[in-house]
Amino acid sequence: MNLESLITVSRAIRAAAHARTDSRGAHFREDFPEPGSLETSAFSRVRPGESPLAA
């Protein structure tokens, strides 16, 4: 893997983590400490050229 790909993937992970409004396992957020409901959870998708996070 080259550095540019690593940076791209890192930015996608950061965008998804920043959009999250709950804590889940190792992905703990101090500002959202509760795990939230699994029934209302969703997957995140990030695509090049789109807004930082597209649902």
PDB file of N, CA and C in Angstrom:
ATOM      1  N   MET A   1       0.848  -1.182   0.000  1.00  0.00           N
ATOM      2  CA  MET A   1       0.000   0.000   0.000  1.00  0.00           C
ATOM      3  C   MET A   1       0.889   1.239   0.000  1.00  0.00           C
ATOM      4  N   ASN A   2       0.526   2.211  -0.762  1.00  0.00           N
ATOM      5  CA  ASN A   2       1.339   3.425  -0.785  1.00  0.00           C
ATOM      6  C   ASN A   2       0.790   4.459   0.191  1.00  0.00           C
ATOM      7  N   LEU A   3       1.583   5.475   0.441  1.00  0.00           N
ATOM      8  CA  LEU A   3       1.236   6.497   1.423  1.00  0.00           C
ATOM      9  C   LEU A   3      -0.063   7.219   1.066  1.00  0.00           C
ATOM     10  N   GLU A   4      -0.274   7.512  -0.204  1.00  0.00           N
ATOM     11  CA  GLU A   4      -1.492   8.213  -0.613  1.00  0.00           C
ATOM     12  C   GLU A   4      -2.744   7.395  -0.278  1.00  0.00           C
ATOM     13  N   SER A   5      -2.706   6.096  -0.492  1.00  0.00           N
ATOM     14  CA  SER A   5      -3.843   5.236  -0.154  1.00  0.00           C
ATOM     15  C   SER A   5      -4.070   5.198   1.350  1.00  0.00           C
ATOM     16  N   LEU A   6      -2.994   5.113   2.120  1.00  0.00           N
ATOM     17  CA  LEU A   6      -3.123   5.112   3.578  1.00  0.00           C
ATOM     18  C   LEU A   6      -3.765   6.397   4.083  1.00  0.00           C
ATOM     19  N   ILE A   7      -3.379   7.507   3.505  1.00  0.00           N
ATOM     20  CA  ILE A   7      -3.952   8.793   3.900  1.00  0.00           C
ATOM     21  C   ILE A   7      -5.428   8.853   3.526  1.00  0.00           C
ATOM     22  N   THR A   8      -5.778   8.383   2.341  1.00  0.00           N
ATOM     23  CA  THR A   8      -7.172   8.378   1.896  1.00  0.00           C
ATOM     24  C   THR A   8      -8.041   7.540   2.822  1.00  0.00           C
ATOM     25  N   VAL A   9      -7.586   6.344   3.156  1.00  0.00           N
ATOM     26  CA  VAL A   9      -8.353   5.466   4.049  1.00  0.00           C
ATOM     27  C   VAL A   9      -8.449   6.081   5.436  1.00  0.00           C
ATOM     28  N   SER A  10      -7.375   6.677   5.917  1.00  0.00           N
ATOM     29  CA  SER A  10      -7.389   7.320   7.234  1.00  0.00           C
ATOM     30  C   SER A  10      -8.400   8.448   7.284  1.00  0.00           C
ATOM     31  N   ARG A  11      -8.486   9.219   6.220  1.00  0.00           N
ATOM     32  CA  ARG A  11      -9.465  10.318   6.170  1.00  0.00           C
ATOM     33  C   ARG A  11     -10.896   9.781   6.159  1.00  0.00           C
ATOM     34  N   ALA A  12     -11.127   8.672   5.469  1.00  0.00           N
ATOM     35  CA  ALA A  12     -12.458   8.068   5.437  1.00  0.00           C
ATOM     36  C   ALA A  12     -12.845   7.552   6.821  1.00  0.00           C
ATOM     37  N   ILE A  13     -11.913   6.903   7.499  1.00  0.00           N
ATOM     38  CA  ILE A  13     -12.179   6.406   8.858  1.00  0.00           C
ATOM     39  C   ILE A  13     -12.461   7.562   9.799  1.00  0.00           C
ATOM     40  N   ARG A  14     -11.704   8.634   9.683  1.00  0.00           N
ATOM     41  CA  ARG A  14     -11.911   9.796  10.544  1.00  0.00           C
ATOM     42  C   ARG A  14     -13.280  10.431  10.294  1.00  0.00           C
ATOM     43  N   ALA A  15     -13.675  10.546   9.035  1.00  0.00           N
ATOM     44  CA  ALA A  15     -14.980  11.132   8.709  1.00  0.00           C
ATOM     45  C   ALA A  15     -16.110  10.297   9.295  1.00  0.00           C
ATOM     46  N   ALA A  16     -16.015   8.971   9.182  1.00  0.00           N
ATOM     47  CA  ALA A  16     -17.058   8.093   9.729  1.00  0.00           C
ATOM     48  C   ALA A  16     -17.079   8.160  11.252  1.00  0.00           C
ATOM     49  N   ALA A  17     -15.904   8.181  11.874  1.00  0.00           N
ATOM     50  CA  ALA A  17     -15.838   8.252  13.338  1.00  0.00           C
ATOM     51  C   ALA A  17     -16.389   9.583  13.845  1.00  0.00           C
ATOM     52  N   HIS A  18     -16.111  10.661  13.127  1.00  0.00           N
ATOM     53  CA  HIS A  18     -16.597  11.980  13.542  1.00  0.00           C
ATOM     54  C   HIS A  18     -18.119  12.083  13.397  1.00  0.00           C
ATOM     55  N   ALA A  19     -18.687  11.396  12.434  1.00  0.00           N
ATOM     56  CA  ALA A  19     -20.135  11.438  12.213  1.00  0.00           C
ATOM     57  C   ALA A  19     -20.890  10.573  13.219  1.00  0.00           C
ATOM     58  N   ARG A  20     -20.208   9.630  13.843  1.00  0.00           N
ATOM     59  CA  ARG A  20     -20.850   8.724  14.797  1.00  0.00           C
ATOM     60  C   ARG A  20     -21.348   9.504  16.010  1.00  0.00           C
ATOM     61  N   THR A  21     -22.554   9.175  16.481  1.00  0.00           N
ATOM     62  CA  THR A  21     -23.129   9.852  17.649  1.00  0.00           C
ATOM     63  C   THR A  21     -23.377   8.868  18.780  1.00  0.00           C
ATOM     64  N   ASP A  22     -22.554   7.804  18.849  1.00  0.00           N
ATOM     65  CA  ASP A  22     -22.631   6.865  19.964  1.00  0.00           C
ATOM     66  C   ASP A  22     -21.269   6.207  20.130  1.00  0.00           C
ATOM     67  N   SER A  23     -21.129   5.427  21.177  1.00  0.00           N
ATOM     68  CA  SER A  23     -19.905   4.670  21.415  1.00  0.00           C
ATOM     69  C   SER A  23     -20.183   3.212  21.115  1.00  0.00           C
ATOM     70  N   ARG A  24     -19.201   2.547  20.543  1.00  0.00           N
ATOM     71  CA  ARG A  24     -19.386   1.146  20.170  1.00  0.00           C
ATOM     72  C   ARG A  24     -18.054   0.426  20.370  1.00  0.00           C
ATOM     73  N   GLY A  25     -17.950  -0.404  21.400  1.00  0.00           N
ATOM     74  CA  GLY A  25     -16.732  -1.176  21.652  1.00  0.00           C
ATOM     75  C   GLY A  25     -15.520  -0.291  21.839  1.00  0.00           C
ATOM     76  N   ALA A  26     -14.487  -0.521  21.034  1.00  0.00           N
ATOM     77  CA  ALA A  26     -13.257   0.262  21.125  1.00  0.00           C
ATOM     78  C   ALA A  26     -13.427   1.667  20.559  1.00  0.00           C
ATOM     79  N   HIS A  27     -14.522   1.923  19.866  1.00  0.00           N
ATOM     80  CA  HIS A  27     -14.773   3.236  19.281  1.00  0.00           C
ATOM     81  C   HIS A  27     -15.568   4.084  20.270  1.00  0.00           C
ATOM     82  N   PHE A  28     -14.887   4.496  21.346  1.00  0.00           N
ATOM     83  CA  PHE A  28     -15.521   5.254  22.424  1.00  0.00           C
ATOM     84  C   PHE A  28     -15.375   6.744  22.165  1.00  0.00           C
ATOM     85  N   ARG A  29     -16.472   7.466  22.373  1.00  0.00           N
ATOM     86  CA  ARG A  29     -16.450   8.927  22.279  1.00  0.00           C
ATOM     87  C   ARG A  29     -16.880   9.497  23.615  1.00  0.00           C
ATOM     88  N   GLU A  30     -16.055  10.379  24.174  1.00  0.00           N
ATOM     89  CA  GLU A  30     -16.391  10.999  25.453  1.00  0.00           C
ATOM     90  C   GLU A  30     -17.639  11.867  25.353  1.00  0.00           C
ATOM     91  N   ASP A  31     -17.858  12.499  24.203  1.00  0.00           N
ATOM     92  CA  ASP A  31     -19.036  13.360  24.046  1.00  0.00           C
ATOM     93  C   ASP A  31     -20.315  12.559  23.774  1.00  0.00           C
ATOM     94  N   PHE A  32     -20.184  11.277  23.407  1.00  0.00           N
ATOM     95  CA  PHE A  32     -21.319  10.372  23.214  1.00  0.00           C
ATOM     96  C   PHE A  32     -20.995   9.042  23.895  1.00  0.00           C
ATOM     97  N   PRO A  33     -21.048   8.977  25.235  1.00  0.00           N
ATOM     98  CA  PRO A  33     -20.603   7.776  25.946  1.00  0.00           C
ATOM     99  C   PRO A  33     -21.560   6.584  25.866  1.00  0.00           C
ATOM    100  N   GLU A  34     -22.821   6.814  25.545  1.00  0.00           N
ATOM    101  CA  GLU A  34     -23.788   5.717  25.508  1.00  0.00           C
ATOM    102  C   GLU A  34     -23.671   4.925  24.210  1.00  0.00           C
ATOM    103  N   PRO A  35     -23.911   3.602  24.261  1.00  0.00           N
ATOM    104  CA  PRO A  35     -23.761   2.773  23.059  1.00  0.00           C
ATOM    105  C   PRO A  35     -24.825   3.013  21.994  1.00  0.00           C
ATOM    106  N   GLY A  36     -25.987   3.503  22.341  1.00  0.00           N
ATOM    107  CA  GLY A  36     -27.029   3.712  21.345  1.00  0.00           C
ATOM    108  C   GLY A  36     -27.700   2.402  20.965  1.00  0.00           C
ATOM    109  N   SER A  37     -28.759   2.491  20.217  1.00  0.00           N
ATOM    110  CA  SER A  37     -29.564   1.333  19.836  1.00  0.00           C
ATOM    111  C   SER A  37     -29.027   0.683  18.561  1.00  0.00           C
ATOM    112  N   LEU A  38     -28.906  -0.633  18.566  1.00  0.00           N
ATOM    113  CA  LEU A  38     -28.485  -1.343  17.364  1.00  0.00           C
ATOM    114  C   LEU A  38     -29.555  -1.293  16.276  1.00  0.00           C
ATOM    115  N   GLU A  39     -30.821  -1.177  16.690  1.00  0.00           N
ATOM    116  CA  GLU A  39     -31.916  -1.122  15.727  1.00  0.00           C
ATOM    117  C   GLU A  39     -31.869   0.139  14.867  1.00  0.00           C
ATOM    118  N   THR A  40     -31.323   1.221  15.404  1.00  0.00           N
ATOM    119  CA  THR A  40     -31.268   2.476  14.652  1.00  0.00           C
ATOM    120  C   THR A  40     -29.878   2.758  14.086  1.00  0.00           C
ATOM    121  N   SER A  41     -28.943   1.847  14.287  1.00  0.00           N
ATOM    122  CA  SER A  41     -27.593   2.077  13.772  1.00  0.00           C
ATOM    123  C   SER A  41     -27.565   1.849  12.260  1.00  0.00           C
ATOM    124  N   ALA A  42     -26.537   2.376  11.614  1.00  0.00           N
ATOM    125  CA  ALA A  42     -26.423   2.260  10.160  1.00  0.00           C
ATOM    126  C   ALA A  42     -24.958   2.149   9.765  1.00  0.00           C
ATOM    127  N   PHE A  43     -24.726   1.698   8.547  1.00  0.00           N
ATOM    128  CA  PHE A  43     -23.378   1.652   8.005  1.00  0.00           C
ATOM    129  C   PHE A  43     -23.022   3.033   7.459  1.00  0.00           C
ATOM    130  N   SER A  44     -21.738   3.322   7.407  1.00  0.00           N
ATOM    131  CA  SER A  44     -21.248   4.573   6.828  1.00  0.00           C
ATOM    132  C   SER A  44     -20.545   4.265   5.514  1.00  0.00           C
ATOM    133  N   ARG A  45     -20.680   5.182   4.579  1.00  0.00           N
ATOM    134  CA  ARG A  45     -20.021   5.017   3.287  1.00  0.00           C
ATOM    135  C   ARG A  45     -19.379   6.346   2.906  1.00  0.00           C
ATOM    136  N   VAL A  46     -18.124   6.296   2.534  1.00  0.00           N
ATOM    137  CA  VAL A  46     -17.403   7.483   2.090  1.00  0.00           C
ATOM    138  C   VAL A  46     -16.892   7.208   0.689  1.00  0.00           C
ATOM    139  N   ARG A  47     -17.151   8.127  -0.228  1.00  0.00           N
ATOM    140  CA  ARG A  47     -16.697   7.963  -1.608  1.00  0.00           C
ATOM    141  C   ARG A  47     -15.882   9.185  -2.023  1.00  0.00           C
ATOM    142  N   PRO A  48     -14.853   8.971  -2.823  1.00  0.00           N
ATOM    143  CA  PRO A  48     -14.064  10.099  -3.311  1.00  0.00           C
ATOM    144  C   PRO A  48     -14.934  11.054  -4.132  1.00  0.00           C
ATOM    145  N   GLY A  49     -14.738  12.321  -3.936  1.00  0.00           N
ATOM    146  CA  GLY A  49     -15.460  13.325  -4.717  1.00  0.00           C
ATOM    147  C   GLY A  49     -16.827  13.685  -4.168  1.00  0.00           C
ATOM    148  N   GLU A  50     -17.293  12.997  -3.132  1.00  0.00           N
ATOM    149  CA  GLU A  50     -18.582  13.327  -2.526  1.00  0.00           C
ATOM    150  C   GLU A  50     -18.338  14.118  -1.246  1.00  0.00           C
ATOM    151  N   SER A  51     -19.421  14.474  -0.580  1.00  0.00           N
ATOM    152  CA  SER A  51     -19.280  15.134   0.704  1.00  0.00           C
ATOM    153  C   SER A  51     -18.510  14.210   1.652  1.00  0.00           C
ATOM    154  N   PRO A  52     -17.963  14.739   2.749  1.00  0.00           N
ATOM    155  CA  PRO A  52     -17.134  13.903   3.627  1.00  0.00           C
ATOM    156  C   PRO A  52     -17.778  12.602   4.077  1.00  0.00           C
ATOM    157  N   LEU A  53     -19.086  12.581   4.226  1.00  0.00           N
ATOM    158  CA  LEU A  53     -19.742  11.352   4.631  1.00  0.00           C
ATOM    159  C   LEU A  53     -21.098  11.257   3.962  1.00  0.00           C
ATOM    160  N   ALA A  54     -21.289  10.244   3.159  1.00  0.00           N
ATOM    161  CA  ALA A  54     -22.570  10.005   2.481  1.00  0.00           C
ATOM    162  C   ALA A  54     -23.213   8.775   3.077  1.00  0.00           C
ATOM    163  N   ALA A  55     -24.438   8.893   3.529  1.00  0.00           N
ATOM    164  CA  ALA A  55     -25.133   7.745   4.135  1.00  0.00           C
ATOM    165  C   ALA A  55     -25.698   6.839   3.072  1.00  0.00           C
TER     166      ALA A  55
END
